[in-house]
Amino acid sequence: MDTKPWYLSKTIWASLVTILSALAGLFGFRFSTIDSAATAEMLLQAVTALSGLVAIFGRLSADTKIG
């Protein structure tokens, strides 16, 4: 079975959006017009882009060569 980091899981991000929406609702915020699947997908893309930038920065700042 292939594995991936937790932060690249669509299920995890969709669950986090659901939890945050529910918590926000407890405090009076309403998100009835927000598409939670689209929001989760957007967050996943943002995390993927950020992890790519971190990987590039890590490689550029590394002290040892590859290979």
PDB file of N, CA and C in Angstrom:
ATOM      1  N   MET A   1       0.841  -1.187   0.000  1.00  0.00           N
ATOM      2  CA  MET A   1       0.000   0.000   0.000  1.00  0.00           C
ATOM      3  C   MET A   1       0.882   1.245   0.000  1.00  0.00           C
ATOM      4  N   ASP A   2       0.564   2.171  -0.892  1.00  0.00           N
ATOM      5  CA  ASP A   2       1.294   3.434  -0.930  1.00  0.00           C
ATOM      6  C   ASP A   2       0.870   4.303   0.246  1.00  0.00           C
ATOM      7  N   THR A   3       1.804   5.071   0.752  1.00  0.00           N
ATOM      8  CA  THR A   3       1.495   5.971   1.858  1.00  0.00           C
ATOM      9  C   THR A   3       1.747   7.410   1.427  1.00  0.00           C
ATOM     10  N   LYS A   4       1.134   8.328   2.163  1.00  0.00           N
ATOM     11  CA  LYS A   4       1.345   9.752   1.927  1.00  0.00           C
ATOM     12  C   LYS A   4       1.217  10.457   3.263  1.00  0.00           C
ATOM     13  N   PRO A   5       1.772  11.647   3.367  1.00  0.00           N
ATOM     14  CA  PRO A   5       1.641  12.401   4.616  1.00  0.00           C
ATOM     15  C   PRO A   5       0.175  12.734   4.894  1.00  0.00           C
ATOM     16  N   TRP A   6      -0.159  12.867   6.159  1.00  0.00           N
ATOM     17  CA  TRP A   6      -1.547  13.146   6.555  1.00  0.00           C
ATOM     18  C   TRP A   6      -2.077  14.422   5.929  1.00  0.00           C
ATOM     19  N   TYR A   7      -1.200  15.422   5.748  1.00  0.00           N
ATOM     20  CA  TYR A   7      -1.652  16.719   5.263  1.00  0.00           C
ATOM     21  C   TYR A   7      -1.948  16.735   3.759  1.00  0.00           C
ATOM     22  N   LEU A   8      -1.706  15.633   3.072  1.00  0.00           N
ATOM     23  CA  LEU A   8      -2.073  15.525   1.665  1.00  0.00           C
ATOM     24  C   LEU A   8      -3.346  14.705   1.467  1.00  0.00           C
ATOM     25  N   SER A   9      -4.006  14.368   2.547  1.00  0.00           N
ATOM     26  CA  SER A   9      -5.237  13.577   2.485  1.00  0.00           C
ATOM     27  C   SER A   9      -6.460  14.483   2.328  1.00  0.00           C
ATOM     28  N   LYS A  10      -7.223  14.252   1.273  1.00  0.00           N
ATOM     29  CA  LYS A  10      -8.452  15.024   1.070  1.00  0.00           C
ATOM     30  C   LYS A  10      -9.449  14.752   2.188  1.00  0.00           C
ATOM     31  N   THR A  11      -9.463  13.529   2.683  1.00  0.00           N
ATOM     32  CA  THR A  11     -10.384  13.181   3.769  1.00  0.00           C
ATOM     33  C   THR A  11     -10.069  13.979   5.027  1.00  0.00           C
ATOM     34  N   ILE A  12      -8.795  14.096   5.361  1.00  0.00           N
ATOM     35  CA  ILE A  12      -8.397  14.862   6.545  1.00  0.00           C
ATOM     36  C   ILE A  12      -8.812  16.319   6.385  1.00  0.00           C
ATOM     37  N   TRP A  13      -8.541  16.923   5.227  1.00  0.00           N
ATOM     38  CA  TRP A  13      -8.880  18.329   5.025  1.00  0.00           C
ATOM     39  C   TRP A  13     -10.384  18.558   4.999  1.00  0.00           C
ATOM     40  N   ALA A  14     -11.126  17.651   4.387  1.00  0.00           N
ATOM     41  CA  ALA A  14     -12.586  17.784   4.392  1.00  0.00           C
ATOM     42  C   ALA A  14     -13.120  17.680   5.815  1.00  0.00           C
ATOM     43  N   SER A  15     -12.540  16.785   6.602  1.00  0.00           N
ATOM     44  CA  SER A  15     -12.955  16.642   8.002  1.00  0.00           C
ATOM     45  C   SER A  15     -12.622  17.893   8.803  1.00  0.00           C
ATOM     46  N   LEU A  16     -11.453  18.460   8.587  1.00  0.00           N
ATOM     47  CA  LEU A  16     -11.074  19.685   9.291  1.00  0.00           C
ATOM     48  C   LEU A  16     -11.995  20.847   8.933  1.00  0.00           C
ATOM     49  N   VAL A  17     -12.352  20.958   7.660  1.00  0.00           N
ATOM     50  CA  VAL A  17     -13.284  22.012   7.244  1.00  0.00           C
ATOM     51  C   VAL A  17     -14.628  21.816   7.924  1.00  0.00           C
ATOM     52  N   THR A  18     -15.089  20.570   7.989  1.00  0.00           N
ATOM     53  CA  THR A  18     -16.362  20.270   8.645  1.00  0.00           C
ATOM     54  C   THR A  18     -16.314  20.624  10.125  1.00  0.00           C
ATOM     55  N   ILE A  19     -15.235  20.240  10.794  1.00  0.00           N
ATOM     56  CA  ILE A  19     -15.086  20.527  12.226  1.00  0.00           C
ATOM     57  C   ILE A  19     -15.033  22.033  12.470  1.00  0.00           C
ATOM     58  N   LEU A  20     -14.227  22.738  11.680  1.00  0.00           N
ATOM     59  CA  LEU A  20     -14.107  24.186  11.855  1.00  0.00           C
ATOM     60  C   LEU A  20     -15.420  24.904  11.558  1.00  0.00           C
ATOM     61  N   SER A  21     -16.148  24.429  10.557  1.00  0.00           N
ATOM     62  CA  SER A  21     -17.453  25.023  10.255  1.00  0.00           C
ATOM     63  C   SER A  21     -18.424  24.815  11.404  1.00  0.00           C
ATOM     64  N   ALA A  22     -18.399  23.623  11.988  1.00  0.00           N
ATOM     65  CA  ALA A  22     -19.286  23.336  13.119  1.00  0.00           C
ATOM     66  C   ALA A  22     -18.922  24.198  14.325  1.00  0.00           C
ATOM     67  N   LEU A  23     -17.633  24.318  14.606  1.00  0.00           N
ATOM     68  CA  LEU A  23     -17.195  25.146  15.734  1.00  0.00           C
ATOM     69  C   LEU A  23     -17.544  26.615  15.500  1.00  0.00           C
ATOM     70  N   ALA A  24     -17.359  27.080  14.276  1.00  0.00           N
ATOM     71  CA  ALA A  24     -17.705  28.467  13.967  1.00  0.00           C
ATOM     72  C   ALA A  24     -19.203  28.694  14.136  1.00  0.00           C
ATOM     73  N   GLY A  25     -20.004  27.700  13.776  1.00  0.00           N
ATOM     74  CA  GLY A  25     -21.447  27.796  13.956  1.00  0.00           C
ATOM     75  C   GLY A  25     -21.837  27.940  15.410  1.00  0.00           C
ATOM     76  N   LEU A  26     -21.080  27.299  16.292  1.00  0.00           N
ATOM     77  CA  LEU A  26     -21.338  27.431  17.725  1.00  0.00           C
ATOM     78  C   LEU A  26     -21.125  28.862  18.207  1.00  0.00           C
ATOM     79  N   PHE A  27     -20.266  29.593  17.510  1.00  0.00           N
ATOM     80  CA  PHE A  27     -19.966  30.971  17.890  1.00  0.00           C
ATOM     81  C   PHE A  27     -20.731  31.994  17.056  1.00  0.00           C
ATOM     82  N   GLY A  28     -21.730  31.520  16.303  1.00  0.00           N
ATOM     83  CA  GLY A  28     -22.605  32.435  15.588  1.00  0.00           C
ATOM     84  C   GLY A  28     -22.286  32.685  14.132  1.00  0.00           C
ATOM     85  N   PHE A  29     -21.230  32.093  13.611  1.00  0.00           N
ATOM     86  CA  PHE A  29     -20.908  32.264  12.196  1.00  0.00           C
ATOM     87  C   PHE A  29     -21.717  31.270  11.369  1.00  0.00           C
ATOM     88  N   ARG A  30     -22.157  31.688  10.202  1.00  0.00           N
ATOM     89  CA  ARG A  30     -22.932  30.817   9.324  1.00  0.00           C
ATOM     90  C   ARG A  30     -22.200  30.629   7.999  1.00  0.00           C
ATOM     91  N   PHE A  31     -22.066  29.388   7.582  1.00  0.00           N
ATOM     92  CA  PHE A  31     -21.355  29.045   6.353  1.00  0.00           C
ATOM     93  C   PHE A  31     -22.234  28.260   5.387  1.00  0.00           C
ATOM     94  N   SER A  32     -23.498  28.575   5.329  1.00  0.00           N
ATOM     95  CA  SER A  32     -24.420  27.790   4.505  1.00  0.00           C
ATOM     96  C   SER A  32     -24.118  27.896   3.011  1.00  0.00           C
ATOM     97  N   THR A  33     -23.466  28.968   2.586  1.00  0.00           N
ATOM     98  CA  THR A  33     -23.191  29.140   1.156  1.00  0.00           C
ATOM     99  C   THR A  33     -21.823  28.608   0.743  1.00  0.00           C
ATOM    100  N   ILE A  34     -21.034  28.125   1.683  1.00  0.00           N
ATOM    101  CA  ILE A  34     -19.696  27.633   1.366  1.00  0.00           C
ATOM    102  C   ILE A  34     -19.762  26.160   0.984  1.00  0.00           C
ATOM    103  N   ASP A  35     -19.124  25.814  -0.121  1.00  0.00           N
ATOM    104  CA  ASP A  35     -19.022  24.426  -0.560  1.00  0.00           C
ATOM    105  C   ASP A  35     -17.837  23.796   0.164  1.00  0.00           C
ATOM    106  N   SER A  36     -18.111  22.938   1.135  1.00  0.00           N
ATOM    107  CA  SER A  36     -17.033  22.394   1.963  1.00  0.00           C
ATOM    108  C   SER A  36     -16.076  21.519   1.159  1.00  0.00           C
ATOM    109  N   ALA A  37     -16.558  20.822   0.143  1.00  0.00           N
ATOM    110  CA  ALA A  37     -15.664  20.003  -0.680  1.00  0.00           C
ATOM    111  C   ALA A  37     -14.693  20.890  -1.456  1.00  0.00           C
ATOM    112  N   ALA A  38     -15.191  21.985  -2.008  1.00  0.00           N
ATOM    113  CA  ALA A  38     -14.325  22.910  -2.742  1.00  0.00           C
ATOM    114  C   ALA A  38     -13.334  23.585  -1.804  1.00  0.00           C
ATOM    115  N   THR A  39     -13.778  23.912  -0.602  1.00  0.00           N
ATOM    116  CA  THR A  39     -12.890  24.528   0.383  1.00  0.00           C
ATOM    117  C   THR A  39     -11.785  23.564   0.782  1.00  0.00           C
ATOM    118  N   ALA A  40     -12.136  22.312   1.006  1.00  0.00           N
ATOM    119  CA  ALA A  40     -11.135  21.303   1.357  1.00  0.00           C
ATOM    120  C   ALA A  40     -10.136  21.117   0.221  1.00  0.00           C
ATOM    121  N   GLU A  41     -10.614  21.108  -1.012  1.00  0.00           N
ATOM    122  CA  GLU A  41      -9.730  20.972  -2.168  1.00  0.00           C
ATOM    123  C   GLU A  41      -8.787  22.166  -2.267  1.00  0.00           C
ATOM    124  N   MET A  42      -9.294  23.366  -2.031  1.00  0.00           N
ATOM    125  CA  MET A  42      -8.467  24.566  -2.068  1.00  0.00           C
ATOM    126  C   MET A  42      -7.382  24.505  -0.988  1.00  0.00           C
ATOM    127  N   LEU A  43      -7.764  24.081   0.219  1.00  0.00           N
ATOM    128  CA  LEU A  43      -6.786  23.966   1.296  1.00  0.00           C
ATOM    129  C   LEU A  43      -5.722  22.925   0.973  1.00  0.00           C
ATOM    130  N   LEU A  44      -6.135  21.802   0.386  1.00  0.00           N
ATOM    131  CA  LEU A  44      -5.183  20.762   0.007  1.00  0.00           C
ATOM    132  C   LEU A  44      -4.191  21.289  -1.024  1.00  0.00           C
ATOM    133  N   GLN A  45      -4.669  22.048  -1.997  1.00  0.00           N
ATOM    134  CA  GLN A  45      -3.776  22.627  -3.001  1.00  0.00           C
ATOM    135  C   GLN A  45      -2.808  23.620  -2.370  1.00  0.00           C
ATOM    136  N   ALA A  46      -3.288  24.409  -1.425  1.00  0.00           N
ATOM    137  CA  ALA A  46      -2.421  25.369  -0.740  1.00  0.00           C
ATOM    138  C   ALA A  46      -1.342  24.653   0.064  1.00  0.00           C
ATOM    139  N   VAL A  47      -1.727  23.587   0.765  1.00  0.00           N
ATOM    140  CA  VAL A  47      -0.755  22.822   1.552  1.00  0.00           C
ATOM    141  C   VAL A  47       0.257  22.148   0.635  1.00  0.00           C
ATOM    142  N   THR A  48      -0.193  21.623  -0.487  1.00  0.00           N
ATOM    143  CA  THR A  48       0.715  20.988  -1.440  1.00  0.00           C
ATOM    144  C   THR A  48       1.720  21.999  -1.982  1.00  0.00           C
ATOM    145  N   ALA A  49       1.245  23.185  -2.339  1.00  0.00           N
ATOM    146  CA  ALA A  49       2.141  24.228  -2.834  1.00  0.00           C
ATOM    147  C   ALA A  49       3.141  24.648  -1.764  1.00  0.00           C
ATOM    148  N   LEU A  50       2.660  24.811  -0.546  1.00  0.00           N
ATOM    149  CA  LEU A  50       3.536  25.203   0.554  1.00  0.00           C
ATOM    150  C   LEU A  50       4.587  24.130   0.830  1.00  0.00           C
ATOM    151  N   SER A  51       4.190  22.862   0.808  1.00  0.00           N
ATOM    152  CA  SER A  51       5.166  21.799   1.064  1.00  0.00           C
ATOM    153  C   SER A  51       6.200  21.732  -0.055  1.00  0.00           C
ATOM    154  N   GLY A  52       5.808  22.056  -1.285  1.00  0.00           N
ATOM    155  CA  GLY A  52       6.769  22.123  -2.381  1.00  0.00           C
ATOM    156  C   GLY A  52       7.781  23.237  -2.177  1.00  0.00           C
ATOM    157  N   LEU A  53       7.313  24.391  -1.728  1.00  0.00           N
ATOM    158  CA  LEU A  53       8.224  25.504  -1.437  1.00  0.00           C
ATOM    159  C   LEU A  53       9.185  25.166  -0.304  1.00  0.00           C
ATOM    160  N   VAL A  54       8.675  24.504   0.721  1.00  0.00           N
ATOM    161  CA  VAL A  54       9.528  24.098   1.842  1.00  0.00           C
ATOM    162  C   VAL A  54      10.579  23.099   1.368  1.00  0.00           C
ATOM    163  N   ALA A  55      10.194  22.172   0.494  1.00  0.00           N
ATOM    164  CA  ALA A  55      11.146  21.193  -0.033  1.00  0.00           C
ATOM    165  C   ALA A  55      12.247  21.874  -0.841  1.00  0.00           C
ATOM    166  N   ILE A  56      11.868  22.833  -1.684  1.00  0.00           N
ATOM    167  CA  ILE A  56      12.865  23.561  -2.474  1.00  0.00           C
ATOM    168  C   ILE A  56      13.786  24.360  -1.564  1.00  0.00           C
ATOM    169  N   PHE A  57      13.227  25.062  -0.600  1.00  0.00           N
ATOM    170  CA  PHE A  57      14.042  25.828   0.340  1.00  0.00           C
ATOM    171  C   PHE A  57      14.985  24.898   1.106  1.00  0.00           C
ATOM    172  N   GLY A  58      14.473  23.756   1.522  1.00  0.00           N
ATOM    173  CA  GLY A  58      15.304  22.790   2.244  1.00  0.00           C
ATOM    174  C   GLY A  58      16.464  22.299   1.404  1.00  0.00           C
ATOM    175  N   ARG A  59      16.197  22.035   0.130  1.00  0.00           N
ATOM    176  CA  ARG A  59      17.263  21.555  -0.752  1.00  0.00           C
ATOM    177  C   ARG A  59      18.288  22.650  -0.999  1.00  0.00           C
ATOM    178  N   LEU A  60      17.846  23.874  -1.202  1.00  0.00           N
ATOM    179  CA  LEU A  60      18.773  24.969  -1.466  1.00  0.00           C
ATOM    180  C   LEU A  60      19.621  25.318  -0.251  1.00  0.00           C
ATOM    181  N   SER A  61      19.079  25.106   0.934  1.00  0.00           N
ATOM    182  CA  SER A  61      19.824  25.454   2.142  1.00  0.00           C
ATOM    183  C   SER A  61      20.562  24.262   2.748  1.00  0.00           C
ATOM    184  N   ALA A  62      20.492  23.103   2.109  1.00  0.00           N
ATOM    185  CA  ALA A  62      21.151  21.903   2.643  1.00  0.00           C
ATOM    186  C   ALA A  62      22.667  22.018   2.525  1.00  0.00           C
ATOM    187  N   ASP A  63      23.349  21.359   3.438  1.00  0.00           N
ATOM    188  CA  ASP A  63      24.811  21.384   3.449  1.00  0.00           C
ATOM    189  C   ASP A  63      25.436  20.228   2.679  1.00  0.00           C
ATOM    190  N   THR A  64      24.679  19.179   2.422  1.00  0.00           N
ATOM    191  CA  THR A  64      25.235  18.009   1.739  1.00  0.00           C
ATOM    192  C   THR A  64      24.661  17.876   0.338  1.00  0.00           C
ATOM    193  N   LYS A  65      25.447  17.263  -0.541  1.00  0.00           N
ATOM    194  CA  LYS A  65      25.039  17.070  -1.920  1.00  0.00           C
ATOM    195  C   LYS A  65      24.110  15.865  -2.045  1.00  0.00           C
ATOM    196  N   ILE A  66      23.330  15.877  -3.102  1.00  0.00           N
ATOM    197  CA  ILE A  66      22.500  14.719  -3.434  1.00  0.00           C
ATOM    198  C   ILE A  66      23.340  13.781  -4.290  1.00  0.00           C
ATOM    199  N   GLY A  67      23.295  12.513  -3.954  1.00  0.00           N
ATOM    200  CA  GLY A  67      23.798  11.556  -4.757  1.00  0.00           C
ATOM    201  C   GLY A  67      24.924  10.842  -5.033  1.00  0.00           C
TER     202      GLY A  67
END
